[in-house]
mmCIF file of all heavy atoms, coordinates in Angstrom:
data_MODEL
# 
_entry.id   MODEL 
# 
loop_
_atom_site.group_PDB 
_atom_site.id 
_atom_site.type_symbol 
_atom_site.label_atom_id 
_atom_site.label_alt_id 
_atom_site.label_comp_id 
_atom_site.label_asym_id 
_atom_site.label_entity_id 
_atom_site.label_seq_id 
_atom_site.pdbx_PDB_ins_code 
_atom_site.Cartn_x 
_atom_site.Cartn_y 
_atom_site.Cartn_z 
_atom_site.occupancy 
_atom_site.B_iso_or_equiv 
_atom_site.pdbx_formal_charge 
_atom_site.auth_seq_id 
_atom_site.auth_comp_id 
_atom_site.auth_asym_id 
_atom_site.auth_atom_id 
_atom_site.pdbx_PDB_model_num 
ATOM 1   N N   . VAL A 1 1  ? 0.845   -1.189  -0.001  1.00 0.00 ? 1  VAL A N   1 
ATOM 2   C CA  . VAL A 1 1  ? -0.003  0.000   -0.001  1.00 0.00 ? 1  VAL A CA  1 
ATOM 3   C C   . VAL A 1 1  ? 0.886   1.244   0.000   1.00 0.00 ? 1  VAL A C   1 
ATOM 4   O O   . VAL A 1 1  ? 1.965   1.258   0.599   1.00 0.00 ? 1  VAL A O   1 
ATOM 5   C CB  . VAL A 1 1  ? -0.962  0.038   1.197   1.00 0.00 ? 1  VAL A CB  1 
ATOM 6   C CG1 . VAL A 1 1  ? -1.935  -1.117  1.138   1.00 0.00 ? 1  VAL A CG1 1 
ATOM 7   C CG2 . VAL A 1 1  ? -0.207  0.026   2.515   1.00 0.00 ? 1  VAL A CG2 1 
ATOM 8   N N   . SER A 1 2  ? 0.426   2.262   -0.683  1.00 0.00 ? 2  SER A N   1 
ATOM 9   C CA  . SER A 1 2  ? 1.161   3.517   -0.759  1.00 0.00 ? 2  SER A CA  1 
ATOM 10  C C   . SER A 1 2  ? 0.728   4.439   0.371   1.00 0.00 ? 2  SER A C   1 
ATOM 11  O O   . SER A 1 2  ? -0.184  4.119   1.142   1.00 0.00 ? 2  SER A O   1 
ATOM 12  C CB  . SER A 1 2  ? 0.907   4.189   -2.103  1.00 0.00 ? 2  SER A CB  1 
ATOM 13  O OG  . SER A 1 2  ? -0.451  4.596   -2.185  1.00 0.00 ? 2  SER A OG  1 
ATOM 14  N N   . GLU A 1 3  ? 1.339   5.599   0.457   1.00 0.00 ? 3  GLU A N   1 
ATOM 15  C CA  . GLU A 1 3  ? 0.966   6.581   1.472   1.00 0.00 ? 3  GLU A CA  1 
ATOM 16  C C   . GLU A 1 3  ? -0.492  7.000   1.332   1.00 0.00 ? 3  GLU A C   1 
ATOM 17  O O   . GLU A 1 3  ? -1.154  7.333   2.305   1.00 0.00 ? 3  GLU A O   1 
ATOM 18  C CB  . GLU A 1 3  ? 1.869   7.810   1.374   1.00 0.00 ? 3  GLU A CB  1 
ATOM 19  C CG  . GLU A 1 3  ? 3.322   7.556   1.751   1.00 0.00 ? 3  GLU A CG  1 
ATOM 20  C CD  . GLU A 1 3  ? 4.167   8.817   1.689   1.00 0.00 ? 3  GLU A CD  1 
ATOM 21  O OE1 . GLU A 1 3  ? 3.608   9.868   1.289   1.00 0.00 ? 3  GLU A OE1 1 
ATOM 22  O OE2 . GLU A 1 3  ? 5.358   8.757   2.021   1.00 0.00 ? 3  GLU A OE2 1 
ATOM 23  N N   . SER A 1 4  ? -1.003  6.964   0.090   1.00 0.00 ? 4  SER A N   1 
ATOM 24  C CA  . SER A 1 4  ? -2.389  7.369   -0.162  1.00 0.00 ? 4  SER A CA  1 
ATOM 25  C C   . SER A 1 4  ? -3.351  6.185   -0.177  1.00 0.00 ? 4  SER A C   1 
ATOM 26  O O   . SER A 1 4  ? -4.477  6.302   -0.655  1.00 0.00 ? 4  SER A O   1 
ATOM 27  C CB  . SER A 1 4  ? -2.472  8.115   -1.497  1.00 0.00 ? 4  SER A CB  1 
ATOM 28  O OG  . SER A 1 4  ? -1.943  7.327   -2.540  1.00 0.00 ? 4  SER A OG  1 
ATOM 29  N N   . ALA A 1 5  ? -2.883  5.014   0.325   1.00 0.00 ? 5  ALA A N   1 
ATOM 30  C CA  . ALA A 1 5  ? -3.720  3.815   0.487   1.00 0.00 ? 5  ALA A CA  1 
ATOM 31  C C   . ALA A 1 5  ? -4.021  3.113   -0.836  1.00 0.00 ? 5  ALA A C   1 
ATOM 32  O O   . ALA A 1 5  ? -4.960  2.329   -0.922  1.00 0.00 ? 5  ALA A O   1 
ATOM 33  C CB  . ALA A 1 5  ? -5.017  4.136   1.216   1.00 0.00 ? 5  ALA A CB  1 
ATOM 34  N N   . HIS A 1 6  ? -3.223  3.360   -1.878  1.00 0.00 ? 6  HIS A N   1 
ATOM 35  C CA  . HIS A 1 6  ? -3.394  2.645   -3.139  1.00 0.00 ? 6  HIS A CA  1 
ATOM 36  C C   . HIS A 1 6  ? -2.818  1.232   -3.013  1.00 0.00 ? 6  HIS A C   1 
ATOM 37  O O   . HIS A 1 6  ? -1.716  1.045   -2.510  1.00 0.00 ? 6  HIS A O   1 
ATOM 38  C CB  . HIS A 1 6  ? -2.705  3.385   -4.279  1.00 0.00 ? 6  HIS A CB  1 
ATOM 39  C CG  . HIS A 1 6  ? -2.793  2.675   -5.582  1.00 0.00 ? 6  HIS A CG  1 
ATOM 40  N ND1 . HIS A 1 6  ? -3.947  2.570   -6.304  1.00 0.00 ? 6  HIS A ND1 1 
ATOM 41  C CD2 . HIS A 1 6  ? -1.835  1.992   -6.289  1.00 0.00 ? 6  HIS A CD2 1 
ATOM 42  C CE1 . HIS A 1 6  ? -3.714  1.876   -7.411  1.00 0.00 ? 6  HIS A CE1 1 
ATOM 43  N NE2 . HIS A 1 6  ? -2.458  1.517   -7.413  1.00 0.00 ? 6  HIS A NE2 1 
ATOM 44  N N   . ILE A 1 7  ? -3.568  0.241   -3.464  1.00 0.00 ? 7  ILE A N   1 
ATOM 45  C CA  . ILE A 1 7  ? -3.186  -1.164  -3.354  1.00 0.00 ? 7  ILE A CA  1 
ATOM 46  C C   . ILE A 1 7  ? -2.530  -1.638  -4.643  1.00 0.00 ? 7  ILE A C   1 
ATOM 47  O O   . ILE A 1 7  ? -3.067  -1.429  -5.730  1.00 0.00 ? 7  ILE A O   1 
ATOM 48  C CB  . ILE A 1 7  ? -4.419  -2.045  -3.052  1.00 0.00 ? 7  ILE A CB  1 
ATOM 49  C CG1 . ILE A 1 7  ? -4.986  -1.715  -1.662  1.00 0.00 ? 7  ILE A CG1 1 
ATOM 50  C CG2 . ILE A 1 7  ? -4.084  -3.521  -3.132  1.00 0.00 ? 7  ILE A CG2 1 
ATOM 51  C CD1 . ILE A 1 7  ? -6.281  -2.429  -1.348  1.00 0.00 ? 7  ILE A CD1 1 
ATOM 52  N N   . SER A 1 8  ? -1.381  -2.324  -4.540  1.00 0.00 ? 8  SER A N   1 
ATOM 53  C CA  . SER A 1 8  ? -0.736  -2.959  -5.688  1.00 0.00 ? 8  SER A CA  1 
ATOM 54  C C   . SER A 1 8  ? -0.300  -4.361  -5.274  1.00 0.00 ? 8  SER A C   1 
ATOM 55  O O   . SER A 1 8  ? 0.409   -4.529  -4.285  1.00 0.00 ? 8  SER A O   1 
ATOM 56  C CB  . SER A 1 8  ? 0.475   -2.137  -6.168  1.00 0.00 ? 8  SER A CB  1 
ATOM 57  O OG  . SER A 1 8  ? 1.410   -1.961  -5.133  1.00 0.00 ? 8  SER A OG  1 
ATOM 58  N N   . LEU A 1 9  ? -0.748  -5.372  -6.036  1.00 0.00 ? 9  LEU A N   1 
ATOM 59  C CA  . LEU A 1 9  ? -0.487  -6.763  -5.687  1.00 0.00 ? 9  LEU A CA  1 
ATOM 60  C C   . LEU A 1 9  ? 1.007   -7.049  -5.678  1.00 0.00 ? 9  LEU A C   1 
ATOM 61  O O   . LEU A 1 9  ? 1.767   -6.562  -6.515  1.00 0.00 ? 9  LEU A O   1 
ATOM 62  C CB  . LEU A 1 9  ? -1.184  -7.699  -6.679  1.00 0.00 ? 9  LEU A CB  1 
ATOM 63  C CG  . LEU A 1 9  ? -2.709  -7.698  -6.654  1.00 0.00 ? 9  LEU A CG  1 
ATOM 64  C CD1 . LEU A 1 9  ? -3.258  -8.595  -7.758  1.00 0.00 ? 9  LEU A CD1 1 
ATOM 65  C CD2 . LEU A 1 9  ? -3.245  -8.139  -5.309  1.00 0.00 ? 9  LEU A CD2 1 
ATOM 66  N N   . THR A 1 10 ? 1.434   -7.887  -4.726  1.00 0.00 ? 10 THR A N   1 
ATOM 67  C CA  . THR A 1 10 ? 2.826   -8.320  -4.689  1.00 0.00 ? 10 THR A CA  1 
ATOM 68  C C   . THR A 1 10 ? 3.079   -9.305  -5.822  1.00 0.00 ? 10 THR A C   1 
ATOM 69  O O   . THR A 1 10 ? 2.150   -9.857  -6.415  1.00 0.00 ? 10 THR A O   1 
ATOM 70  C CB  . THR A 1 10 ? 3.145   -8.988  -3.349  1.00 0.00 ? 10 THR A CB  1 
ATOM 71  O OG1 . THR A 1 10 ? 2.307   -10.151 -3.197  1.00 0.00 ? 10 THR A OG1 1 
ATOM 72  C CG2 . THR A 1 10 ? 2.916   -8.045  -2.183  1.00 0.00 ? 10 THR A CG2 1 
ATOM 73  N N   . GLU A 1 11 ? 4.340   -9.537  -6.124  1.00 0.00 ? 11 GLU A N   1 
ATOM 74  C CA  . GLU A 1 11 ? 4.700   -10.461 -7.202  1.00 0.00 ? 11 GLU A CA  1 
ATOM 75  C C   . GLU A 1 11 ? 4.121   -11.843 -6.970  1.00 0.00 ? 11 GLU A C   1 
ATOM 76  O O   . GLU A 1 11 ? 3.720   -12.530 -7.907  1.00 0.00 ? 11 GLU A O   1 
ATOM 77  C CB  . GLU A 1 11 ? 6.227   -10.541 -7.315  1.00 0.00 ? 11 GLU A CB  1 
ATOM 78  C CG  . GLU A 1 11 ? 6.713   -11.406 -8.461  1.00 0.00 ? 11 GLU A CG  1 
ATOM 79  C CD  . GLU A 1 11 ? 8.229   -11.416 -8.584  1.00 0.00 ? 11 GLU A CD  1 
ATOM 80  O OE1 . GLU A 1 11 ? 8.882   -10.638 -7.850  1.00 0.00 ? 11 GLU A OE1 1 
ATOM 81  O OE2 . GLU A 1 11 ? 8.751   -12.185 -9.397  1.00 0.00 ? 11 GLU A OE2 1 
ATOM 82  N N   . GLN A 1 12 ? 4.027   -12.268 -5.717  1.00 0.00 ? 12 GLN A N   1 
ATOM 83  C CA  . GLN A 1 12 ? 3.539   -13.602 -5.378  1.00 0.00 ? 12 GLN A CA  1 
ATOM 84  C C   . GLN A 1 12 ? 2.077   -13.799 -5.782  1.00 0.00 ? 12 GLN A C   1 
ATOM 85  O O   . GLN A 1 12 ? 1.646   -14.900 -6.111  1.00 0.00 ? 12 GLN A O   1 
ATOM 86  C CB  . GLN A 1 12 ? 3.704   -13.849 -3.879  1.00 0.00 ? 12 GLN A CB  1 
ATOM 87  C CG  . GLN A 1 12 ? 3.449   -15.283 -3.436  1.00 0.00 ? 12 GLN A CG  1 
ATOM 88  C CD  . GLN A 1 12 ? 3.686   -15.473 -1.952  1.00 0.00 ? 12 GLN A CD  1 
ATOM 89  O OE1 . GLN A 1 12 ? 3.424   -14.584 -1.147  1.00 0.00 ? 12 GLN A OE1 1 
ATOM 90  N NE2 . GLN A 1 12 ? 4.202   -16.618 -1.567  1.00 0.00 ? 12 GLN A NE2 1 
ATOM 91  N N   . PHE A 1 13 ? 1.287   -12.701 -5.797  1.00 0.00 ? 13 PHE A N   1 
ATOM 92  C CA  . PHE A 1 13 ? -0.153  -12.810 -6.055  1.00 0.00 ? 13 PHE A CA  1 
ATOM 93  C C   . PHE A 1 13 ? -0.597  -12.103 -7.336  1.00 0.00 ? 13 PHE A C   1 
ATOM 94  O O   . PHE A 1 13 ? -1.783  -12.153 -7.682  1.00 0.00 ? 13 PHE A O   1 
ATOM 95  C CB  . PHE A 1 13 ? -0.924  -12.247 -4.867  1.00 0.00 ? 13 PHE A CB  1 
ATOM 96  C CG  . PHE A 1 13 ? -0.872  -13.111 -3.642  1.00 0.00 ? 13 PHE A CG  1 
ATOM 97  C CD1 . PHE A 1 13 ? 0.130   -12.932 -2.695  1.00 0.00 ? 13 PHE A CD1 1 
ATOM 98  C CD2 . PHE A 1 13 ? -1.800  -14.113 -3.440  1.00 0.00 ? 13 PHE A CD2 1 
ATOM 99  C CE1 . PHE A 1 13 ? 0.201   -13.741 -1.562  1.00 0.00 ? 13 PHE A CE1 1 
ATOM 100 C CE2 . PHE A 1 13 ? -1.746  -14.923 -2.317  1.00 0.00 ? 13 PHE A CE2 1 
ATOM 101 C CZ  . PHE A 1 13 ? -0.746  -14.739 -1.376  1.00 0.00 ? 13 PHE A CZ  1 
ATOM 102 N N   . ALA A 1 14 ? 0.320   -11.480 -8.056  1.00 0.00 ? 14 ALA A N   1 
ATOM 103 C CA  . ALA A 1 14 ? -0.052  -10.642 -9.196  1.00 0.00 ? 14 ALA A CA  1 
ATOM 104 C C   . ALA A 1 14 ? -0.691  -11.424 -10.344 1.00 0.00 ? 14 ALA A C   1 
ATOM 105 O O   . ALA A 1 14 ? -1.438  -10.852 -11.135 1.00 0.00 ? 14 ALA A O   1 
ATOM 106 C CB  . ALA A 1 14 ? 1.172   -9.883  -9.703  1.00 0.00 ? 14 ALA A CB  1 
ATOM 107 N N   . SER A 1 15 ? -0.426  -12.720 -10.449 1.00 0.00 ? 15 SER A N   1 
ATOM 108 C CA  . SER A 1 15 ? -0.915  -13.487 -11.597 1.00 0.00 ? 15 SER A CA  1 
ATOM 109 C C   . SER A 1 15 ? -2.317  -14.054 -11.396 1.00 0.00 ? 15 SER A C   1 
ATOM 110 O O   . SER A 1 15 ? -2.898  -14.600 -12.333 1.00 0.00 ? 15 SER A O   1 
ATOM 111 C CB  . SER A 1 15 ? 0.044   -14.655 -11.887 1.00 0.00 ? 15 SER A CB  1 
ATOM 112 O OG  . SER A 1 15 ? 0.088   -15.567 -10.800 1.00 0.00 ? 15 SER A OG  1 
ATOM 113 N N   . TYR A 1 16 ? -2.883  -13.925 -10.204 1.00 0.00 ? 16 TYR A N   1 
ATOM 114 C CA  . TYR A 1 16 ? -4.195  -14.518 -9.939  1.00 0.00 ? 16 TYR A CA  1 
ATOM 115 C C   . TYR A 1 16 ? -5.311  -13.576 -10.378 1.00 0.00 ? 16 TYR A C   1 
ATOM 116 O O   . TYR A 1 16 ? -5.214  -12.352 -10.220 1.00 0.00 ? 16 TYR A O   1 
ATOM 117 C CB  . TYR A 1 16 ? -4.345  -14.860 -8.460  1.00 0.00 ? 16 TYR A CB  1 
ATOM 118 C CG  . TYR A 1 16 ? -3.417  -15.979 -8.018  1.00 0.00 ? 16 TYR A CG  1 
ATOM 119 C CD1 . TYR A 1 16 ? -2.363  -15.728 -7.143  1.00 0.00 ? 16 TYR A CD1 1 
ATOM 120 C CD2 . TYR A 1 16 ? -3.578  -17.269 -8.494  1.00 0.00 ? 16 TYR A CD2 1 
ATOM 121 C CE1 . TYR A 1 16 ? -1.509  -16.744 -6.744  1.00 0.00 ? 16 TYR A CE1 1 
ATOM 122 C CE2 . TYR A 1 16 ? -2.736  -18.287 -8.106  1.00 0.00 ? 16 TYR A CE2 1 
ATOM 123 C CZ  . TYR A 1 16 ? -1.692  -18.027 -7.229  1.00 0.00 ? 16 TYR A CZ  1 
ATOM 124 O OH  . TYR A 1 16 ? -0.843  -19.037 -6.849  1.00 0.00 ? 16 TYR A OH  1 
ATOM 125 N N   . PRO A 1 17 ? -6.418  -14.126 -10.918 1.00 0.00 ? 17 PRO A N   1 
ATOM 126 C CA  . PRO A 1 17 ? -7.519  -13.283 -11.447 1.00 0.00 ? 17 PRO A CA  1 
ATOM 127 C C   . PRO A 1 17 ? -8.437  -12.787 -10.341 1.00 0.00 ? 17 PRO A C   1 
ATOM 128 O O   . PRO A 1 17 ? -9.584  -13.234 -10.202 1.00 0.00 ? 17 PRO A O   1 
ATOM 129 C CB  . PRO A 1 17 ? -8.245  -14.247 -12.400 1.00 0.00 ? 17 PRO A CB  1 
ATOM 130 C CG  . PRO A 1 17 ? -8.044  -15.598 -11.755 1.00 0.00 ? 17 PRO A CG  1 
ATOM 131 C CD  . PRO A 1 17 ? -6.667  -15.562 -11.143 1.00 0.00 ? 17 PRO A CD  1 
ATOM 132 N N   . ILE A 1 18 ? -7.972  -11.833 -9.545  1.00 0.00 ? 18 ILE A N   1 
ATOM 133 C CA  . ILE A 1 18 ? -8.735  -11.371 -8.385  1.00 0.00 ? 18 ILE A CA  1 
ATOM 134 C C   . ILE A 1 18 ? -8.973  -9.866  -8.463  1.00 0.00 ? 18 ILE A C   1 
ATOM 135 O O   . ILE A 1 18 ? -8.230  -9.144  -9.107  1.00 0.00 ? 18 ILE A O   1 
ATOM 136 C CB  . ILE A 1 18 ? -8.012  -11.699 -7.058  1.00 0.00 ? 18 ILE A CB  1 
ATOM 137 C CG1 . ILE A 1 18 ? -6.598  -11.100 -7.055  1.00 0.00 ? 18 ILE A CG1 1 
ATOM 138 C CG2 . ILE A 1 18 ? -7.971  -13.201 -6.839  1.00 0.00 ? 18 ILE A CG2 1 
ATOM 139 C CD1 . ILE A 1 18 ? -5.850  -11.265 -5.762  1.00 0.00 ? 18 ILE A CD1 1 
ATOM 140 N N   . GLU A 1 19 ? -10.040 -9.418  -7.806  1.00 0.00 ? 19 GLU A N   1 
ATOM 141 C CA  . GLU A 1 19 ? -10.363 -7.997  -7.695  1.00 0.00 ? 19 GLU A CA  1 
ATOM 142 C C   . GLU A 1 19 ? -10.028 -7.506  -6.287  1.00 0.00 ? 19 GLU A C   1 
ATOM 143 O O   . GLU A 1 19 ? -10.300 -8.191  -5.299  1.00 0.00 ? 19 GLU A O   1 
ATOM 144 C CB  . GLU A 1 19 ? -11.847 -7.763  -7.952  1.00 0.00 ? 19 GLU A CB  1 
ATOM 145 C CG  . GLU A 1 19 ? -12.278 -7.968  -9.384  1.00 0.00 ? 19 GLU A CG  1 
ATOM 146 C CD  . GLU A 1 19 ? -13.747 -7.630  -9.565  1.00 0.00 ? 19 GLU A CD  1 
ATOM 147 O OE1 . GLU A 1 19 ? -14.595 -8.463  -9.224  1.00 0.00 ? 19 GLU A OE1 1 
ATOM 148 O OE2 . GLU A 1 19 ? -14.041 -6.519  -10.049 1.00 0.00 ? 19 GLU A OE2 1 
ATOM 149 N N   . THR A 1 20 ? -9.475  -6.290  -6.186  1.00 0.00 ? 20 THR A N   1 
ATOM 150 C CA  . THR A 1 20 ? -9.196  -5.696  -4.881  1.00 0.00 ? 20 THR A CA  1 
ATOM 151 C C   . THR A 1 20 ? -9.794  -4.299  -4.757  1.00 0.00 ? 20 THR A C   1 
ATOM 152 O O   . THR A 1 20 ? -9.639  -3.663  -3.718  1.00 0.00 ? 20 THR A O   1 
ATOM 153 C CB  . THR A 1 20 ? -7.674  -5.598  -4.632  1.00 0.00 ? 20 THR A CB  1 
ATOM 154 O OG1 . THR A 1 20 ? -7.072  -4.816  -5.661  1.00 0.00 ? 20 THR A OG1 1 
ATOM 155 C CG2 . THR A 1 20 ? -7.047  -6.984  -4.610  1.00 0.00 ? 20 THR A CG2 1 
ATOM 156 N N   . GLU A 1 21 ? -10.467 -3.821  -5.787  1.00 0.00 ? 21 GLU A N   1 
ATOM 157 C CA  . GLU A 1 21 ? -11.019 -2.465  -5.778  1.00 0.00 ? 21 GLU A CA  1 
ATOM 158 C C   . GLU A 1 21 ? -12.517 -2.503  -5.480  1.00 0.00 ? 21 GLU A C   1 
ATOM 159 O O   . GLU A 1 21 ? -13.251 -3.354  -5.983  1.00 0.00 ? 21 GLU A O   1 
ATOM 160 C CB  . GLU A 1 21 ? -10.791 -1.784  -7.131  1.00 0.00 ? 21 GLU A CB  1 
ATOM 161 C CG  . GLU A 1 21 ? -9.331  -1.611  -7.509  1.00 0.00 ? 21 GLU A CG  1 
ATOM 162 C CD  . GLU A 1 21 ? -8.633  -0.533  -6.694  1.00 0.00 ? 21 GLU A CD  1 
ATOM 163 O OE1 . GLU A 1 21 ? -9.356  0.274   -6.062  1.00 0.00 ? 21 GLU A OE1 1 
ATOM 164 O OE2 . GLU A 1 21 ? -7.407  -0.509  -6.685  1.00 0.00 ? 21 GLU A OE2 1 
ATOM 165 N N   . GLY A 1 22 ? -12.978 -1.566  -4.647  1.00 0.00 ? 22 GLY A N   1 
ATOM 166 C CA  . GLY A 1 22 ? -14.409 -1.378  -4.417  1.00 0.00 ? 22 GLY A CA  1 
ATOM 167 C C   . GLY A 1 22 ? -15.099 -2.531  -3.726  1.00 0.00 ? 22 GLY A C   1 
ATOM 168 O O   . GLY A 1 22 ? -16.302 -2.751  -3.928  1.00 0.00 ? 22 GLY A O   1 
ATOM 169 N N   . LEU A 1 23 ? -14.384 -3.311  -2.902  1.00 0.00 ? 23 LEU A N   1 
ATOM 170 C CA  . LEU A 1 23 ? -14.987 -4.466  -2.243  1.00 0.00 ? 23 LEU A CA  1 
ATOM 171 C C   . LEU A 1 23 ? -15.674 -4.057  -0.936  1.00 0.00 ? 23 LEU A C   1 
ATOM 172 O O   . LEU A 1 23 ? -15.146 -3.246  -0.174  1.00 0.00 ? 23 LEU A O   1 
ATOM 173 C CB  . LEU A 1 23 ? -13.924 -5.520  -1.941  1.00 0.00 ? 23 LEU A CB  1 
ATOM 174 C CG  . LEU A 1 23 ? -13.159 -6.089  -3.140  1.00 0.00 ? 23 LEU A CG  1 
ATOM 175 C CD1 . LEU A 1 23 ? -12.189 -7.165  -2.682  1.00 0.00 ? 23 LEU A CD1 1 
ATOM 176 C CD2 . LEU A 1 23 ? -14.110 -6.647  -4.187  1.00 0.00 ? 23 LEU A CD2 1 
ATOM 177 N N   . ASP A 1 24 ? -16.837 -4.650  -0.678  1.00 0.00 ? 24 ASP A N   1 
ATOM 178 C CA  . ASP A 1 24 ? -17.488 -4.490  0.617   1.00 0.00 ? 24 ASP A CA  1 
ATOM 179 C C   . ASP A 1 24 ? -17.049 -5.641  1.521   1.00 0.00 ? 24 ASP A C   1 
ATOM 180 O O   . ASP A 1 24 ? -16.173 -6.435  1.153   1.00 0.00 ? 24 ASP A O   1 
ATOM 181 C CB  . ASP A 1 24 ? -19.012 -4.450  0.467   1.00 0.00 ? 24 ASP A CB  1 
ATOM 182 C CG  . ASP A 1 24 ? -19.566 -5.675  -0.252  1.00 0.00 ? 24 ASP A CG  1 
ATOM 183 O OD1 . ASP A 1 24 ? -18.819 -6.683  -0.394  1.00 0.00 ? 24 ASP A OD1 1 
ATOM 184 O OD2 . ASP A 1 24 ? -20.739 -5.632  -0.669  1.00 0.00 ? 24 ASP A OD2 1 
ATOM 185 N N   . GLN A 1 25 ? -17.646 -5.747  2.696   1.00 0.00 ? 25 GLN A N   1 
ATOM 186 C CA  . GLN A 1 25 ? -17.228 -6.783  3.639   1.00 0.00 ? 25 GLN A CA  1 
ATOM 187 C C   . GLN A 1 25 ? -17.374 -8.179  3.046   1.00 0.00 ? 25 GLN A C   1 
ATOM 188 O O   . GLN A 1 25 ? -16.496 -9.030  3.173   1.00 0.00 ? 25 GLN A O   1 
ATOM 189 C CB  . GLN A 1 25 ? -18.040 -6.672  4.930   1.00 0.00 ? 25 GLN A CB  1 
ATOM 190 C CG  . GLN A 1 25 ? -17.609 -7.681  6.003   1.00 0.00 ? 25 GLN A CG  1 
ATOM 191 C CD  . GLN A 1 25 ? -18.373 -7.502  7.315   1.00 0.00 ? 25 GLN A CD  1 
ATOM 192 O OE1 . GLN A 1 25 ? -19.204 -6.619  7.429   1.00 0.00 ? 25 GLN A OE1 1 
ATOM 193 N NE2 . GLN A 1 25 ? -18.086 -8.345  8.271   1.00 0.00 ? 25 GLN A NE2 1 
ATOM 194 N N   . LYS A 1 26 ? -18.489 -8.410  2.344   1.00 0.00 ? 26 LYS A N   1 
ATOM 195 C CA  . LYS A 1 26 ? -18.705 -9.706  1.710   1.00 0.00 ? 26 LYS A CA  1 
ATOM 196 C C   . LYS A 1 26 ? -17.647 -9.957  0.638   1.00 0.00 ? 26 LYS A C   1 
ATOM 197 O O   . LYS A 1 26 ? -17.140 -11.075 0.486   1.00 0.00 ? 26 LYS A O   1 
ATOM 198 C CB  . LYS A 1 26 ? -20.103 -9.755  1.099   1.00 0.00 ? 26 LYS A CB  1 
ATOM 199 C CG  . LYS A 1 26 ? -20.463 -11.083 0.419   1.00 0.00 ? 26 LYS A CG  1 
ATOM 200 C CD  . LYS A 1 26 ? -21.927 -11.050 -0.003  1.00 0.00 ? 26 LYS A CD  1 
ATOM 201 C CE  . LYS A 1 26 ? -22.318 -12.368 -0.658  1.00 0.00 ? 26 LYS A CE  1 
ATOM 202 N NZ  . LYS A 1 26 ? -21.749 -12.521 -2.006  1.00 0.00 ? 26 LYS A NZ  1 
ATOM 203 N N   . GLY A 1 27 ? -17.289 -8.899  -0.107  1.00 0.00 ? 27 GLY A N   1 
ATOM 204 C CA  . GLY A 1 27 ? -16.281 -9.043  -1.153  1.00 0.00 ? 27 GLY A CA  1 
ATOM 205 C C   . GLY A 1 27 ? -14.918 -9.423  -0.587  1.00 0.00 ? 27 GLY A C   1 
ATOM 206 O O   . GLY A 1 27 ? -14.204 -10.256 -1.163  1.00 0.00 ? 27 GLY A O   1 
ATOM 207 N N   . TRP A 1 28 ? -14.533 -8.820  0.555   1.00 0.00 ? 28 TRP A N   1 
ATOM 208 C CA  . TRP A 1 28 ? -13.258 -9.177  1.187   1.00 0.00 ? 28 TRP A CA  1 
ATOM 209 C C   . TRP A 1 28 ? -13.273 -10.618 1.687   1.00 0.00 ? 28 TRP A C   1 
ATOM 210 O O   . TRP A 1 28 ? -12.269 -11.334 1.589   1.00 0.00 ? 28 TRP A O   1 
ATOM 211 C CB  . TRP A 1 28 ? -12.958 -8.225  2.349   1.00 0.00 ? 28 TRP A CB  1 
ATOM 212 C CG  . TRP A 1 28 ? -12.569 -6.851  1.922   1.00 0.00 ? 28 TRP A CG  1 
ATOM 213 C CD1 . TRP A 1 28 ? -13.241 -5.698  2.163   1.00 0.00 ? 28 TRP A CD1 1 
ATOM 214 C CD2 . TRP A 1 28 ? -11.412 -6.477  1.159   1.00 0.00 ? 28 TRP A CD2 1 
ATOM 215 N NE1 . TRP A 1 28 ? -12.585 -4.625  1.601   1.00 0.00 ? 28 TRP A NE1 1 
ATOM 216 C CE2 . TRP A 1 28 ? -11.455 -5.071  0.980   1.00 0.00 ? 28 TRP A CE2 1 
ATOM 217 C CE3 . TRP A 1 28 ? -10.352 -7.185  0.618   1.00 0.00 ? 28 TRP A CE3 1 
ATOM 218 C CZ2 . TRP A 1 28 ? -10.477 -4.368  0.289   1.00 0.00 ? 28 TRP A CZ2 1 
ATOM 219 C CZ3 . TRP A 1 28 ? -9.369  -6.481  -0.087  1.00 0.00 ? 28 TRP A CZ3 1 
ATOM 220 C CH2 . TRP A 1 28 ? -9.441  -5.093  -0.247  1.00 0.00 ? 28 TRP A CH2 1 
# 
């Protein structure tokens, strides 16, 4: 995460087809 809370996947997880933007509690 950046200072402004921007999320960027680590190399270990970057290849998986997942969403991390706009998730609610159920989405997480």
